[in-house]
């Protein structure tokens, strides 16, 4: 009986010892896991460094129309300036796609502005109602904080009514209207204007 009791006691002692070891291991594992989780949360609290990619930089360029007459008569020829600016930016080149309604207007000619040294394209399509002009500057120019005339467009009123001049433009697209930054070749054009023309009989 004494041997049996001693054997049972040893078994209980072994079981208790194993349980203690297991509990200790669980406590250690949980402590390590909590420490790792807390460290991970502290890393997340640190604000990440944001590196601006070319697409996330501000698009400061702008196209606009100037010299638009308040009203013209059918058959009258008049001029509208296509202007641009890009604050604190130097440009290599630009593309302007100007849309008009050929029912109301006819585009006659394009006169070059002072900023670009070369005009690689000056096309007029009176069937589609589109003028496409591409300018390029081989020498470094000034930053464009004020409006500069890209070109002047001569138009003739065809029919009485209200009509618009607009730019064919979508942000991020490089096959429509653009203002190309020197050194990066990034299209910095962000906004375009509209001209409303009243044509009287």
Protein backbone atom coordinates (compact mmCIF):
# COMPACT_ATOMS: atom_id res chain seq x y z
CA UNK A 1 0.00 0.00 0.00
CA UNK A 2 2.80 2.37 0.82
CA UNK A 3 4.52 1.67 -2.50
CA UNK A 4 1.25 2.15 -4.36
CA UNK A 5 0.62 5.45 -2.57
CA UNK A 6 4.16 6.60 -3.27
CA UNK A 7 3.76 5.74 -6.96
CA UNK A 8 0.47 7.67 -7.22
CA UNK A 9 2.03 10.61 -5.47
CA UNK A 10 4.90 10.64 -7.98
CA UNK A 11 2.48 10.49 -10.89
CA UNK A 12 0.51 13.43 -9.52
CA UNK A 13 3.73 15.33 -8.95
CA UNK A 14 4.84 14.67 -12.57
CA UNK A 15 1.45 15.81 -13.92
CA UNK A 16 1.54 18.96 -11.81
CA UNK A 17 5.11 19.66 -12.93
CA UNK A 18 4.18 19.22 -16.61
CA UNK A 19 1.19 21.53 -16.16
CA UNK A 20 3.40 24.16 -14.53
CA UNK A 21 5.90 23.93 -17.39
CA UNK A 22 3.09 24.20 -19.98
CA UNK A 23 1.54 27.19 -18.21
CA UNK A 24 4.95 28.85 -18.03
CA UNK A 25 5.52 28.29 -21.74
CA UNK A 26 2.07 29.74 -22.56
CA UNK A 27 2.77 32.83 -20.42
CA UNK A 28 6.16 33.39 -22.13
CA UNK A 29 4.66 32.95 -25.64
CA UNK A 30 1.83 35.38 -24.85
CA UNK A 31 4.24 37.93 -23.44
CA UNK A 32 6.43 37.72 -26.56
CA UNK A 33 3.38 38.02 -28.83
CA UNK A 34 2.09 41.10 -26.93
CA UNK A 35 5.52 42.72 -27.09
CA UNK A 36 5.73 42.12 -30.85
CA UNK A 37 2.19 43.51 -31.34
CA UNK A 38 2.95 46.61 -29.30
CA UNK A 39 6.16 47.20 -31.27
CA UNK A 40 4.22 46.85 -34.52
CA UNK A 41 1.63 49.41 -33.34
CA UNK A 42 4.39 51.86 -32.38
CA UNK A 43 5.90 51.54 -35.87
CA UNK A 44 2.48 52.25 -37.42
CA UNK A 45 2.09 55.40 -35.30
CA UNK A 46 5.21 56.89 -36.91
CA UNK A 47 4.08 58.99 -39.89
CA UNK A 48 5.44 57.53 -43.14
CA UNK A 49 7.67 59.63 -45.35
CA UNK A 50 5.69 60.60 -48.44
CA UNK A 51 7.70 60.83 -51.64
CA UNK A 52 5.82 62.77 -54.28
CA UNK A 53 5.70 60.96 -57.58
CA UNK A 54 5.30 62.94 -60.82
CA UNK A 55 1.57 62.16 -60.85
CA UNK A 56 1.04 63.44 -57.28
CA UNK A 57 2.80 66.78 -57.77
CA UNK A 58 0.48 69.78 -58.19
CA UNK A 59 -0.60 70.59 -61.74
CA UNK A 60 -0.01 74.34 -61.83
CA UNK A 61 -0.42 74.96 -65.57
CA UNK A 62 -3.42 76.78 -67.00
CA UNK A 63 -4.78 77.60 -70.46
CA UNK A 64 -7.17 80.50 -71.04
CA UNK A 65 -8.64 82.69 -73.77
CA UNK A 66 -8.20 86.46 -73.88
CA UNK A 67 -9.30 89.28 -76.18
CA UNK A 68 -12.66 87.60 -76.74
CA UNK A 69 -15.14 90.16 -78.16
CA UNK A 70 -18.44 90.65 -76.34
CA UNK A 71 -20.35 90.27 -79.59
CA UNK A 72 -19.59 89.89 -83.30
CA UNK A 73 -21.70 89.89 -86.45
CA UNK A 74 -22.11 87.17 -89.05
CA UNK A 75 -19.26 87.51 -91.57
CA UNK A 76 -17.04 89.43 -89.13
CA UNK A 77 -13.44 88.28 -88.65
CA UNK A 78 -11.92 88.66 -85.18
CA UNK A 79 -8.95 87.46 -83.12
CA UNK A 80 -8.77 85.46 -79.88
CA UNK A 81 -5.53 84.88 -77.93
CA UNK A 82 -4.74 81.48 -76.48
CA UNK A 83 -2.75 82.15 -73.30
CA UNK A 84 -1.01 79.97 -70.74
CA UNK A 85 0.82 80.19 -67.44
CA UNK A 86 2.60 77.76 -65.12
CA UNK A 87 3.73 79.46 -61.87
CA UNK A 88 7.33 78.73 -60.82
CA UNK A 89 7.75 76.43 -63.82
CA UNK A 90 9.87 76.56 -66.97
CA UNK A 91 8.40 74.88 -70.03
CA UNK A 92 10.01 72.94 -72.87
CA UNK A 93 6.92 72.74 -75.01
CA UNK A 94 3.15 72.82 -75.23
CA UNK A 95 0.22 71.46 -77.21
CA UNK A 96 -3.09 73.29 -77.49
CA UNK A 97 -6.15 71.55 -78.90
CA UNK A 98 -8.82 74.21 -79.35
CA UNK A 99 -12.36 73.06 -80.15
CA UNK A 100 -15.04 75.18 -81.85
CA UNK A 101 -18.39 74.60 -83.53
CA UNK A 102 -17.85 74.85 -87.32
CA UNK A 103 -21.54 75.71 -87.79
CA UNK A 104 -20.94 79.04 -86.04
CA UNK A 105 -17.22 79.71 -86.57
CA UNK A 106 -14.52 79.23 -89.19
CA UNK A 107 -10.85 79.21 -88.16
CA UNK A 108 -8.75 81.22 -90.63
CA UNK A 109 -5.17 81.35 -89.36
CA UNK A 110 -2.76 80.91 -86.46
CA UNK A 111 -0.26 83.62 -85.48
CA UNK A 112 2.67 82.49 -83.32
CA UNK A 113 3.28 83.95 -79.87
CA UNK A 114 6.62 85.07 -78.35
CA UNK A 115 7.49 82.30 -75.88
CA UNK A 116 8.27 79.29 -78.09
CA UNK A 117 11.09 79.42 -80.62
CA UNK A 118 9.66 76.70 -82.88
CA UNK A 119 6.12 75.80 -83.86
CA UNK A 120 6.15 72.17 -84.92
CA UNK A 121 2.45 72.03 -85.75
CA UNK A 122 -0.24 74.54 -86.74
CA UNK A 123 -3.21 72.66 -88.15
CA UNK A 124 -6.77 73.87 -88.74
CA UNK A 125 -9.65 71.47 -89.35
CA UNK A 126 -12.85 73.38 -90.14
CA UNK A 127 -14.83 70.20 -90.69
CA UNK A 128 -14.13 68.77 -87.24
CA UNK A 129 -13.89 72.17 -85.57
CA UNK A 130 -10.38 71.70 -84.19
CA UNK A 131 -7.15 73.72 -84.13
CA UNK A 132 -3.96 71.94 -83.02
CA UNK A 133 -0.80 73.91 -82.24
CA UNK A 134 2.50 72.56 -80.87
CA UNK A 135 5.27 74.85 -79.66
CA UNK A 136 8.83 74.01 -78.58
CA UNK A 137 11.53 76.07 -76.87
CA UNK A 138 15.16 75.03 -77.32
CA UNK A 139 16.58 77.61 -74.88
CA UNK A 140 15.75 77.91 -71.20
CA UNK A 141 13.02 80.47 -70.62
CA UNK A 142 11.68 82.30 -67.60
CA UNK A 143 9.21 80.88 -65.11
CA UNK A 144 5.65 81.54 -66.22
CA UNK A 145 3.95 83.28 -63.31
CA UNK A 146 1.91 85.52 -65.63
CA UNK A 147 -0.10 84.77 -68.73
CA UNK A 148 1.86 84.41 -71.96
CA UNK A 149 0.28 84.29 -75.43
CA UNK A 150 0.83 80.88 -77.02
CA UNK A 151 -0.78 81.94 -80.31
CA UNK A 152 -3.52 84.12 -81.72
CA UNK A 153 -6.39 82.52 -83.58
CA UNK A 154 -8.21 84.37 -86.35
CA UNK A 155 -11.89 83.38 -86.66
CA UNK A 156 -14.83 84.35 -88.84
CA UNK A 157 -18.43 84.27 -87.59
CA UNK A 158 -20.61 82.03 -89.77
CA UNK A 159 -24.06 81.97 -88.14
CA UNK A 160 -25.90 83.93 -85.47
CA UNK A 161 -26.22 82.41 -82.03
CA UNK A 162 -24.20 81.57 -78.92
CA UNK A 163 -21.10 79.38 -79.26
CA UNK A 164 -17.99 78.35 -77.30
CA UNK A 165 -14.26 77.91 -77.64
CA UNK A 166 -12.88 75.15 -75.41
CA UNK A 167 -9.71 73.12 -74.93
CA UNK A 168 -9.59 69.39 -75.58
CA UNK A 169 -8.01 68.33 -72.29
CA UNK A 170 -8.01 65.55 -69.70
CA UNK A 171 -5.73 65.49 -66.64
CA UNK A 172 -2.87 63.07 -67.06
CA UNK A 173 -3.36 62.63 -70.80
CA UNK A 174 -0.38 63.58 -72.96
CA UNK A 175 -2.05 63.22 -76.37
CA UNK A 176 -4.33 66.25 -75.88
CA UNK A 177 -3.59 69.78 -74.59
CA UNK A 178 -0.36 69.88 -72.58
CA UNK A 179 2.18 72.16 -70.91
CA UNK A 180 5.46 70.24 -70.69
CA UNK A 181 7.86 71.02 -67.83
CA UNK A 182 11.53 71.44 -68.71
CA UNK A 183 13.79 68.69 -67.36
CA UNK A 184 11.00 66.31 -66.27
CA UNK A 185 8.82 66.19 -69.43
CA UNK A 186 5.86 66.21 -67.03
CA UNK A 187 2.52 67.57 -68.24
CA UNK A 188 1.78 70.31 -65.66
CA UNK A 189 -1.51 71.42 -67.22
CA UNK A 190 -4.23 71.33 -64.56
CA UNK A 191 -7.02 73.67 -65.69
CA UNK A 192 -8.41 75.14 -68.89
CA UNK A 193 -10.77 78.02 -69.56
CA UNK A 194 -13.67 78.55 -71.95
CA UNK A 195 -14.68 81.45 -74.21
CA UNK A 196 -18.34 82.28 -74.92
CA UNK A 197 -18.98 84.14 -78.18
CA UNK A 198 -22.23 85.85 -79.12
CA UNK A 199 -22.82 86.14 -82.85
CA UNK A 200 -25.45 88.63 -84.01
CA UNK A 201 -27.15 88.65 -87.42
